[in-house]
Amino acid sequence: MESIPRTFMQDPVFRRLGDVARYGALSDREKKAYKESLKVYRDNYAIMETERTEGRAEGRAEGLAEGRLKIARAMLSDGMNPDVISKYTGLSLQEISNL
């Protein structure tokens, strides 16, 4: 692998080949440590992705709730009936009366 020109190592196939060769050169103890660290990395990555996805969904839900409140306020200021506002915004009559 060391005799391969550096320009070839930019190719994904040769980079993967280099990774495999380096892994094959590890001792059993080093391979075990590598696998353990890879597991920790993957676990942490999965946790971060889950948090990011859930955070995005939570942000969307908050945005939708704020939008419904804004619309309900506008409808109230135009003198619309709270029953109609409830029907179209999904807010309860109690939530509308608190506005």
PDB file of N, CA and C in Angstrom:
ATOM      1  N   MET A   1       0.825  -1.200   0.000  1.00  0.00           N
ATOM      2  CA  MET A   1       0.000   0.000   0.000  1.00  0.00           C
ATOM      3  C   MET A   1       0.865   1.258   0.000  1.00  0.00           C
ATOM      4  N   GLU A   2       2.033   1.189   0.629  1.00  0.00           N
ATOM      5  CA  GLU A   2       2.882   2.376   0.718  1.00  0.00           C
ATOM      6  C   GLU A   2       3.458   2.754  -0.639  1.00  0.00           C
ATOM      7  N   SER A   3       3.516   1.813  -1.583  1.00  0.00           N
ATOM      8  CA  SER A   3       4.083   2.114  -2.891  1.00  0.00           C
ATOM      9  C   SER A   3       3.048   2.698  -3.855  1.00  0.00           C
ATOM     10  N   ILE A   4       1.787   2.740  -3.453  1.00  0.00           N
ATOM     11  CA  ILE A   4       0.742   3.304  -4.314  1.00  0.00           C
ATOM     12  C   ILE A   4       0.871   4.835  -4.297  1.00  0.00           C
ATOM     13  N   PRO A   5       0.867   5.469  -5.472  1.00  0.00           N
ATOM     14  CA  PRO A   5       0.965   6.934  -5.518  1.00  0.00           C
ATOM     15  C   PRO A   5      -0.176   7.601  -4.734  1.00  0.00           C
ATOM     16  N   ARG A   6       0.128   8.736  -4.118  1.00  0.00           N
ATOM     17  CA  ARG A   6      -0.859   9.454  -3.307  1.00  0.00           C
ATOM     18  C   ARG A   6      -2.108   9.837  -4.108  1.00  0.00           C
ATOM     19  N   THR A   7      -1.953  10.095  -5.390  1.00  0.00           N
ATOM     20  CA  THR A   7      -3.123  10.485  -6.193  1.00  0.00           C
ATOM     21  C   THR A   7      -4.136   9.353  -6.269  1.00  0.00           C
ATOM     22  N   PHE A   8      -3.657   8.105  -6.233  1.00  0.00           N
ATOM     23  CA  PHE A   8      -4.588   6.976  -6.243  1.00  0.00           C
ATOM     24  C   PHE A   8      -5.380   6.905  -4.945  1.00  0.00           C
ATOM     25  N   MET A   9      -4.759   7.330  -3.857  1.00  0.00           N
ATOM     26  CA  MET A   9      -5.403   7.234  -2.547  1.00  0.00           C
ATOM     27  C   MET A   9      -6.586   8.202  -2.424  1.00  0.00           C
ATOM     28  N   GLN A  10      -6.772   9.070  -3.384  1.00  0.00           N
ATOM     29  CA  GLN A  10      -7.946   9.945  -3.388  1.00  0.00           C
ATOM     30  C   GLN A  10      -9.175   9.190  -3.879  1.00  0.00           C
ATOM     31  N   ASP A  11      -8.959   8.088  -4.556  1.00  0.00           N
ATOM     32  CA  ASP A  11     -10.053   7.259  -5.050  1.00  0.00           C
ATOM     33  C   ASP A  11     -10.654   6.487  -3.874  1.00  0.00           C
ATOM     34  N   PRO A  12     -11.983   6.502  -3.721  1.00  0.00           N
ATOM     35  CA  PRO A  12     -12.618   5.805  -2.594  1.00  0.00           C
ATOM     36  C   PRO A  12     -12.277   4.324  -2.501  1.00  0.00           C
ATOM     37  N   VAL A  13     -12.092   3.665  -3.629  1.00  0.00           N
ATOM     38  CA  VAL A  13     -11.764   2.232  -3.618  1.00  0.00           C
ATOM     39  C   VAL A  13     -10.394   2.009  -2.966  1.00  0.00           C
ATOM     40  N   PHE A  14      -9.424   2.834  -3.336  1.00  0.00           N
ATOM     41  CA  PHE A  14      -8.088   2.678  -2.767  1.00  0.00           C
ATOM     42  C   PHE A  14      -8.063   3.100  -1.294  1.00  0.00           C
ATOM     43  N   ARG A  15      -8.857   4.112  -0.944  1.00  0.00           N
ATOM     44  CA  ARG A  15      -8.929   4.505   0.471  1.00  0.00           C
ATOM     45  C   ARG A  15      -9.494   3.359   1.299  1.00  0.00           C
ATOM     46  N   ARG A  16     -10.531   2.718   0.793  1.00  0.00           N
ATOM     47  CA  ARG A  16     -11.128   1.579   1.507  1.00  0.00           C
ATOM     48  C   ARG A  16     -10.124   0.440   1.603  1.00  0.00           C
ATOM     49  N   LEU A  17      -9.405   0.199   0.534  1.00  0.00           N
ATOM     50  CA  LEU A  17      -8.375  -0.838   0.532  1.00  0.00           C
ATOM     51  C   LEU A  17      -7.318  -0.540   1.588  1.00  0.00           C
ATOM     52  N   GLY A  18      -6.945   0.709   1.709  1.00  0.00           N
ATOM     53  CA  GLY A  18      -5.977   1.115   2.726  1.00  0.00           C
ATOM     54  C   GLY A  18      -6.518   0.884   4.124  1.00  0.00           C
ATOM     55  N   ASP A  19      -7.792   1.203   4.329  1.00  0.00           N
ATOM     56  CA  ASP A  19      -8.417   0.970   5.634  1.00  0.00           C
ATOM     57  C   ASP A  19      -8.399  -0.509   5.994  1.00  0.00           C
ATOM     58  N   VAL A  20      -8.734  -1.353   5.028  1.00  0.00           N
ATOM     59  CA  VAL A  20      -8.759  -2.799   5.257  1.00  0.00           C
ATOM     60  C   VAL A  20      -7.354  -3.302   5.572  1.00  0.00           C
ATOM     61  N   ALA A  21      -6.376  -2.798   4.842  1.00  0.00           N
ATOM     62  CA  ALA A  21      -4.989  -3.230   5.066  1.00  0.00           C
ATOM     63  C   ALA A  21      -4.512  -2.800   6.453  1.00  0.00           C
ATOM     64  N   ARG A  22      -4.830  -1.579   6.865  1.00  0.00           N
ATOM     65  CA  ARG A  22      -4.424  -1.115   8.198  1.00  0.00           C
ATOM     66  C   ARG A  22      -5.107  -1.932   9.287  1.00  0.00           C
ATOM     67  N   TYR A  23      -6.382  -2.251   9.088  1.00  0.00           N
ATOM     68  CA  TYR A  23      -7.106  -3.060  10.072  1.00  0.00           C
ATOM     69  C   TYR A  23      -6.489  -4.461  10.170  1.00  0.00           C
ATOM     70  N   GLY A  24      -6.151  -5.023   9.012  1.00  0.00           N
ATOM     71  CA  GLY A  24      -5.556  -6.365   8.988  1.00  0.00           C
ATOM     72  C   GLY A  24      -4.211  -6.419   9.687  1.00  0.00           C
ATOM     73  N   ALA A  25      -3.523  -5.298   9.763  1.00  0.00           N
ATOM     74  CA  ALA A  25      -2.202  -5.263  10.395  1.00  0.00           C
ATOM     75  C   ALA A  25      -2.288  -5.126  11.913  1.00  0.00           C
ATOM     76  N   LEU A  26      -3.472  -4.900  12.453  1.00  0.00           N
ATOM     77  CA  LEU A  26      -3.627  -4.747  13.898  1.00  0.00           C
ATOM     78  C   LEU A  26      -3.516  -6.082  14.615  1.00  0.00           C
ATOM     79  N   SER A  27      -3.053  -6.029  15.857  1.00  0.00           N
ATOM     80  CA  SER A  27      -3.025  -7.240  16.684  1.00  0.00           C
ATOM     81  C   SER A  27      -4.454  -7.543  17.141  1.00  0.00           C
ATOM     82  N   ASP A  28      -4.659  -8.736  17.689  1.00  0.00           N
ATOM     83  CA  ASP A  28      -6.001  -9.097  18.166  1.00  0.00           C
ATOM     84  C   ASP A  28      -6.482  -8.112  19.231  1.00  0.00           C
ATOM     85  N   ARG A  29      -5.600  -7.726  20.115  1.00  0.00           N
ATOM     86  CA  ARG A  29      -5.962  -6.772  21.168  1.00  0.00           C
ATOM     87  C   ARG A  29      -6.333  -5.411  20.569  1.00  0.00           C
ATOM     88  N   GLU A  30      -5.571  -4.967  19.577  1.00  0.00           N
ATOM     89  CA  GLU A  30      -5.857  -3.692  18.924  1.00  0.00           C
ATOM     90  C   GLU A  30      -7.175  -3.747  18.146  1.00  0.00           C
ATOM     91  N   LYS A  31      -7.439  -4.885  17.511  1.00  0.00           N
ATOM     92  CA  LYS A  31      -8.712  -5.058  16.788  1.00  0.00           C
ATOM     93  C   LYS A  31      -9.890  -4.984  17.748  1.00  0.00           C
ATOM     94  N   LYS A  32      -9.739  -5.635  18.918  1.00  0.00           N
ATOM     95  CA  LYS A  32     -10.801  -5.602  19.909  1.00  0.00           C
ATOM     96  C   LYS A  32     -11.041  -4.170  20.395  1.00  0.00           C
ATOM     97  N   ALA A  33      -9.966  -3.444  20.673  1.00  0.00           N
ATOM     98  CA  ALA A  33     -10.089  -2.052  21.124  1.00  0.00           C
ATOM     99  C   ALA A  33     -10.719  -1.187  20.030  1.00  0.00           C
ATOM    100  N   TYR A  34     -10.326  -1.440  18.784  1.00  0.00           N
ATOM    101  CA  TYR A  34     -10.898  -0.687  17.664  1.00  0.00           C
ATOM    102  C   TYR A  34     -12.401  -0.933  17.554  1.00  0.00           C
ATOM    103  N   LYS A  35     -12.800  -2.200  17.662  1.00  0.00           N
ATOM    104  CA  LYS A  35     -14.225  -2.537  17.573  1.00  0.00           C
ATOM    105  C   LYS A  35     -15.012  -1.898  18.710  1.00  0.00           C
ATOM    106  N   GLU A  36     -14.425  -1.894  19.906  1.00  0.00           N
ATOM    107  CA  GLU A  36     -15.089  -1.262  21.055  1.00  0.00           C
ATOM    108  C   GLU A  36     -15.262   0.239  20.819  1.00  0.00           C
ATOM    109  N   SER A  37     -14.211   0.887  20.326  1.00  0.00           N
ATOM    110  CA  SER A  37     -14.307   2.334  20.097  1.00  0.00           C
ATOM    111  C   SER A  37     -15.292   2.636  18.971  1.00  0.00           C
ATOM    112  N   LEU A  38     -15.356   1.774  17.980  1.00  0.00           N
ATOM    113  CA  LEU A  38     -16.303   1.955  16.891  1.00  0.00           C
ATOM    114  C   LEU A  38     -17.740   1.804  17.394  1.00  0.00           C
ATOM    115  N   LYS A  39     -17.958   0.855  18.304  1.00  0.00           N
ATOM    116  CA  LYS A  39     -19.279   0.675  18.899  1.00  0.00           C
ATOM    117  C   LYS A  39     -19.689   1.923  19.683  1.00  0.00           C
ATOM    118  N   VAL A  40     -18.780   2.466  20.475  1.00  0.00           N
ATOM    119  CA  VAL A  40     -19.067   3.682  21.240  1.00  0.00           C
ATOM    120  C   VAL A  40     -19.396   4.833  20.291  1.00  0.00           C
ATOM    121  N   TYR A  41     -18.606   4.968  19.236  1.00  0.00           N
ATOM    122  CA  TYR A  41     -18.843   6.027  18.249  1.00  0.00           C
ATOM    123  C   TYR A  41     -20.236   5.885  17.637  1.00  0.00           C
ATOM    124  N   ARG A  42     -20.582   4.673  17.210  1.00  0.00           N
ATOM    125  CA  ARG A  42     -21.880   4.447  16.571  1.00  0.00           C
ATOM    126  C   ARG A  42     -23.035   4.679  17.537  1.00  0.00           C
ATOM    127  N   ASP A  43     -22.866   4.252  18.788  1.00  0.00           N
ATOM    128  CA  ASP A  43     -23.901   4.494  19.792  1.00  0.00           C
ATOM    129  C   ASP A  43     -24.117   5.989  20.006  1.00  0.00           C
ATOM    130  N   ASN A  44     -23.015   6.712  20.154  1.00  0.00           N
ATOM    131  CA  ASN A  44     -23.114   8.163  20.346  1.00  0.00           C
ATOM    132  C   ASN A  44     -23.739   8.849  19.140  1.00  0.00           C
ATOM    133  N   TYR A  45     -23.370   8.398  17.960  1.00  0.00           N
ATOM    134  CA  TYR A  45     -23.935   8.973  16.737  1.00  0.00           C
ATOM    135  C   TYR A  45     -25.449   8.735  16.681  1.00  0.00           C
ATOM    136  N   ALA A  46     -25.866   7.525  17.029  1.00  0.00           N
ATOM    137  CA  ALA A  46     -27.299   7.206  17.011  1.00  0.00           C
ATOM    138  C   ALA A  46     -28.053   8.059  18.026  1.00  0.00           C
ATOM    139  N   ILE A  47     -27.471   8.264  19.193  1.00  0.00           N
ATOM    140  CA  ILE A  47     -28.103   9.107  20.207  1.00  0.00           C
ATOM    141  C   ILE A  47     -28.241  10.536  19.706  1.00  0.00           C
ATOM    142  N   MET A  48     -27.181  11.064  19.112  1.00  0.00           N
ATOM    143  CA  MET A  48     -27.230  12.441  18.596  1.00  0.00           C
ATOM    144  C   MET A  48     -28.255  12.584  17.481  1.00  0.00           C
ATOM    145  N   GLU A  49     -28.333  11.608  16.594  1.00  0.00           N
ATOM    146  CA  GLU A  49     -29.304  11.669  15.509  1.00  0.00           C
ATOM    147  C   GLU A  49     -30.732  11.619  16.044  1.00  0.00           C
ATOM    148  N   THR A  50     -30.955  10.780  17.044  1.00  0.00           N
ATOM    149  CA  THR A  50     -32.283  10.691  17.645  1.00  0.00           C
ATOM    150  C   THR A  50     -32.656  12.014  18.291  1.00  0.00           C
ATOM    151  N   GLU A  51     -31.728  12.595  19.039  1.00  0.00           N
ATOM    152  CA  GLU A  51     -31.986  13.887  19.691  1.00  0.00           C
ATOM    153  C   GLU A  51     -32.280  14.969  18.657  1.00  0.00           C
ATOM    154  N   ARG A  52     -31.516  14.961  17.587  1.00  0.00           N
ATOM    155  CA  ARG A  52     -31.708  15.974  16.541  1.00  0.00           C
ATOM    156  C   ARG A  52     -33.070  15.809  15.874  1.00  0.00           C
ATOM    157  N   THR A  53     -33.437  14.574  15.572  1.00  0.00           N
ATOM    158  CA  THR A  53     -34.723  14.301  14.933  1.00  0.00           C
ATOM    159  C   THR A  53     -35.881  14.663  15.852  1.00  0.00           C
ATOM    160  N   GLU A  54     -35.781  14.255  17.119  1.00  0.00           N
ATOM    161  CA  GLU A  54     -36.844  14.567  18.071  1.00  0.00           C
ATOM    162  C   GLU A  54     -36.934  16.067  18.315  1.00  0.00           C
ATOM    163  N   GLY A  55     -35.797  16.735  18.358  1.00  0.00           N
ATOM    164  CA  GLY A  55     -35.787  18.184  18.541  1.00  0.00           C
ATOM    165  C   GLY A  55     -36.465  18.897  17.387  1.00  0.00           C
ATOM    166  N   ARG A  56     -36.235  18.397  16.189  1.00  0.00           N
ATOM    167  CA  ARG A  56     -36.870  18.973  15.014  1.00  0.00           C
ATOM    168  C   ARG A  56     -38.383  18.795  15.073  1.00  0.00           C
ATOM    169  N   ALA A  57     -38.820  17.593  15.460  1.00  0.00           N
ATOM    170  CA  ALA A  57     -40.259  17.317  15.555  1.00  0.00           C
ATOM    171  C   ALA A  57     -40.890  18.173  16.651  1.00  0.00           C
ATOM    172  N   GLU A  58     -40.177  18.315  17.761  1.00  0.00           N
ATOM    173  CA  GLU A  58     -40.696  19.139  18.860  1.00  0.00           C
ATOM    174  C   GLU A  58     -40.800  20.598  18.415  1.00  0.00           C
ATOM    175  N   GLY A  59     -39.822  21.068  17.691  1.00  0.00           N
ATOM    176  CA  GLY A  59     -39.851  22.441  17.185  1.00  0.00           C
ATOM    177  C   GLY A  59     -41.010  22.673  16.230  1.00  0.00           C
ATOM    178  N   ARG A  60     -41.274  21.684  15.377  1.00  0.00           N
ATOM    179  CA  ARG A  60     -42.409  21.791  14.461  1.00  0.00           C
ATOM    180  C   ARG A  60     -43.719  21.859  15.230  1.00  0.00           C
ATOM    181  N   ALA A  61     -43.856  21.009  16.247  1.00  0.00           N
ATOM    182  CA  ALA A  61     -45.094  20.986  17.037  1.00  0.00           C
ATOM    183  C   ALA A  61     -45.294  22.317  17.751  1.00  0.00           C
ATOM    184  N   GLU A  62     -44.216  22.871  18.288  1.00  0.00           N
ATOM    185  CA  GLU A  62     -44.318  24.175  18.961  1.00  0.00           C
ATOM    186  C   GLU A  62     -44.711  25.259  17.967  1.00  0.00           C
ATOM    187  N   GLY A  63     -44.131  25.203  16.787  1.00  0.00           N
ATOM    188  CA  GLY A  63     -44.456  26.187  15.754  1.00  0.00           C
ATOM    189  C   GLY A  63     -45.912  26.109  15.329  1.00  0.00           C
ATOM    190  N   LEU A  64     -46.411  24.893  15.181  1.00  0.00           N
ATOM    191  CA  LEU A  64     -47.819  24.720  14.805  1.00  0.00           C
ATOM    192  C   LEU A  64     -48.747  25.242  15.900  1.00  0.00           C
ATOM    193  N   ALA A  65     -48.395  24.954  17.150  1.00  0.00           N
ATOM    194  CA  ALA A  65     -49.217  25.430  18.264  1.00  0.00           C
ATOM    195  C   ALA A  65     -49.237  26.960  18.310  1.00  0.00           C
ATOM    196  N   GLU A  66     -48.080  27.574  18.114  1.00  0.00           N
ATOM    197  CA  GLU A  66     -48.011  29.035  18.096  1.00  0.00           C
ATOM    198  C   GLU A  66     -48.830  29.600  16.944  1.00  0.00           C
ATOM    199  N   GLY A  67     -48.787  28.930  15.799  1.00  0.00           N
ATOM    200  CA  GLY A  67     -49.551  29.375  14.641  1.00  0.00           C
ATOM    201  C   GLY A  67     -51.050  29.318  14.889  1.00  0.00           C
ATOM    202  N   ARG A  68     -51.486  28.239  15.529  1.00  0.00           N
ATOM    203  CA  ARG A  68     -52.915  28.124  15.836  1.00  0.00           C
ATOM    204  C   ARG A  68     -53.356  29.219  16.801  1.00  0.00           C
ATOM    205  N   LEU A  69     -52.521  29.529  17.787  1.00  0.00           N
ATOM    206  CA  LEU A  69     -52.852  30.600  18.737  1.00  0.00           C
ATOM    207  C   LEU A  69     -52.925  31.959  18.030  1.00  0.00           C
ATOM    208  N   LYS A  70     -51.989  32.182  17.131  1.00  0.00           N
ATOM    209  CA  LYS A  70     -51.963  33.452  16.394  1.00  0.00           C
ATOM    210  C   LYS A  70     -53.230  33.603  15.550  1.00  0.00           C
ATOM    211  N   ILE A  71     -53.608  32.526  14.878  1.00  0.00           N
ATOM    212  CA  ILE A  71     -54.820  32.552  14.053  1.00  0.00           C
ATOM    213  C   ILE A  71     -56.050  32.769  14.926  1.00  0.00           C
ATOM    214  N   ALA A  72     -56.107  32.081  16.065  1.00  0.00           N
ATOM    215  CA  ALA A  72     -57.254  32.232  16.968  1.00  0.00           C
ATOM    216  C   ALA A  72     -57.359  33.665  17.479  1.00  0.00           C
ATOM    217  N   ARG A  73     -56.234  34.280  17.811  1.00  0.00           N
ATOM    218  CA  ARG A  73     -56.250  35.680  18.273  1.00  0.00           C
ATOM    219  C   ARG A  73     -56.801  36.596  17.183  1.00  0.00           C
ATOM    220  N   ALA A  74     -56.356  36.349  15.963  1.00  0.00           N
ATOM    221  CA  ALA A  74     -56.825  37.179  14.845  1.00  0.00           C
ATOM    222  C   ALA A  74     -58.323  36.988  14.623  1.00  0.00           C
ATOM    223  N   MET A  75     -58.775  35.756  14.723  1.00  0.00           N
ATOM    224  CA  MET A  75     -60.208  35.484  14.539  1.00  0.00           C
ATOM    225  C   MET A  75     -61.022  36.141  15.658  1.00  0.00           C
ATOM    226  N   LEU A  76     -60.507  36.080  16.880  1.00  0.00           N
ATOM    227  CA  LEU A  76     -61.201  36.732  18.002  1.00  0.00           C
ATOM    228  C   LEU A  76     -61.274  38.241  17.799  1.00  0.00           C
ATOM    229  N   SER A  77     -60.169  38.806  17.346  1.00  0.00           N
ATOM    230  CA  SER A  77     -60.164  40.262  17.153  1.00  0.00           C
ATOM    231  C   SER A  77     -61.102  40.684  16.028  1.00  0.00           C
ATOM    232  N   ASP A  78     -61.412  39.786  15.124  1.00  0.00           N
ATOM    233  CA  ASP A  78     -62.379  40.069  14.061  1.00  0.00           C
ATOM    234  C   ASP A  78     -63.811  39.767  14.504  1.00  0.00           C
ATOM    235  N   GLY A  79     -63.965  39.352  15.785  1.00  0.00           N
ATOM    236  CA  GLY A  79     -65.290  39.131  16.337  1.00  0.00           C
ATOM    237  C   GLY A  79     -65.923  37.799  16.008  1.00  0.00           C
ATOM    238  N   MET A  80     -65.121  36.826  15.625  1.00  0.00           N
ATOM    239  CA  MET A  80     -65.680  35.517  15.275  1.00  0.00           C
ATOM    240  C   MET A  80     -66.117  34.765  16.531  1.00  0.00           C
ATOM    241  N   ASN A  81     -67.078  33.918  16.365  1.00  0.00           N
ATOM    242  CA  ASN A  81     -67.637  33.097  17.437  1.00  0.00           C
ATOM    243  C   ASN A  81     -66.581  32.093  17.921  1.00  0.00           C
ATOM    244  N   PRO A  82     -66.368  31.951  19.250  1.00  0.00           N
ATOM    245  CA  PRO A  82     -65.380  30.997  19.770  1.00  0.00           C
ATOM    246  C   PRO A  82     -65.622  29.556  19.323  1.00  0.00           C
ATOM    247  N   ASP A  83     -66.888  29.169  19.112  1.00  0.00           N
ATOM    248  CA  ASP A  83     -67.166  27.807  18.626  1.00  0.00           C
ATOM    249  C   ASP A  83     -66.576  27.594  17.232  1.00  0.00           C
ATOM    250  N   VAL A  84     -66.696  28.601  16.404  1.00  0.00           N
ATOM    251  CA  VAL A  84     -66.146  28.520  15.039  1.00  0.00           C
ATOM    252  C   VAL A  84     -64.622  28.494  15.106  1.00  0.00           C
ATOM    253  N   ILE A  85     -64.056  29.338  15.959  1.00  0.00           N
ATOM    254  CA  ILE A  85     -62.598  29.366  16.119  1.00  0.00           C
ATOM    255  C   ILE A  85     -62.098  27.995  16.572  1.00  0.00           C
ATOM    256  N   SER A  86     -62.797  27.400  17.533  1.00  0.00           N
ATOM    257  CA  SER A  86     -62.422  26.081  18.037  1.00  0.00           C
ATOM    258  C   SER A  86     -62.468  25.036  16.923  1.00  0.00           C
ATOM    259  N   LYS A  87     -63.497  25.122  16.110  1.00  0.00           N
ATOM    260  CA  LYS A  87     -63.666  24.157  15.017  1.00  0.00           C
ATOM    261  C   LYS A  87     -62.495  24.211  14.046  1.00  0.00           C
ATOM    262  N   TYR A  88     -62.046  25.415  13.707  1.00  0.00           N
ATOM    263  CA  TYR A  88     -61.017  25.555  12.681  1.00  0.00           C
ATOM    264  C   TYR A  88     -59.587  25.528  13.196  1.00  0.00           C
ATOM    265  N   THR A  89     -59.390  25.793  14.483  1.00  0.00           N
ATOM    266  CA  THR A  89     -58.026  25.781  15.016  1.00  0.00           C
ATOM    267  C   THR A  89     -57.720  24.538  15.831  1.00  0.00           C
ATOM    268  N   GLY A  90     -58.770  23.840  16.277  1.00  0.00           N
ATOM    269  CA  GLY A  90     -58.559  22.680  17.121  1.00  0.00           C
ATOM    270  C   GLY A  90     -58.306  23.038  18.572  1.00  0.00           C
ATOM    271  N   LEU A  91     -58.392  24.315  18.900  1.00  0.00           N
ATOM    272  CA  LEU A  91     -58.214  24.750  20.283  1.00  0.00           C
ATOM    273  C   LEU A  91     -59.512  24.532  21.049  1.00  0.00           C
ATOM    274  N   SER A  92     -59.365  24.278  22.347  1.00  0.00           N
ATOM    275  CA  SER A  92     -60.566  24.121  23.175  1.00  0.00           C
ATOM    276  C   SER A  92     -61.160  25.505  23.456  1.00  0.00           C
ATOM    277  N   LEU A  93     -62.423  25.510  23.864  1.00  0.00           N
ATOM    278  CA  LEU A  93     -63.068  26.783  24.214  1.00  0.00           C
ATOM    279  C   LEU A  93     -62.349  27.436  25.382  1.00  0.00           C
ATOM    280  N   GLN A  94     -61.822  26.628  26.305  1.00  0.00           N
ATOM    281  CA  GLN A  94     -61.065  27.167  27.446  1.00  0.00           C
ATOM    282  C   GLN A  94     -59.802  27.869  26.961  1.00  0.00           C
ATOM    283  N   GLU A  95     -59.082  27.245  26.027  1.00  0.00           N
ATOM    284  CA  GLU A  95     -57.874  27.858  25.489  1.00  0.00           C
ATOM    285  C   GLU A  95     -58.202  29.170  24.788  1.00  0.00           C
ATOM    286  N   ILE A  96     -59.317  29.187  24.075  1.00  0.00           N
ATOM    287  CA  ILE A  96     -59.731  30.402  23.351  1.00  0.00           C
ATOM    288  C   ILE A  96     -60.102  31.498  24.339  1.00  0.00           C
ATOM    289  N   SER A  97     -60.805  31.129  25.407  1.00  0.00           N
ATOM    290  CA  SER A  97     -61.188  32.146  26.392  1.00  0.00           C
ATOM    291  C   SER A  97     -59.990  32.695  27.134  1.00  0.00           C
ATOM    292  N   ASN A  98     -58.896  31.935  27.215  1.00  0.00           N
ATOM    293  CA  ASN A  98     -57.668  32.414  27.870  1.00  0.00           C
ATOM    294  C   ASN A  98     -56.886  33.386  26.998  1.00  0.00           C
ATOM    295  N   LEU A  99     -57.250  33.475  25.740  1.00  0.00           N
ATOM    296  CA  LEU A  99     -56.549  34.390  24.835  1.00  0.00           C
ATOM    297  C   LEU A  99     -57.003  35.811  25.125  1.00  0.00           C
TER     298      LEU A  99
END
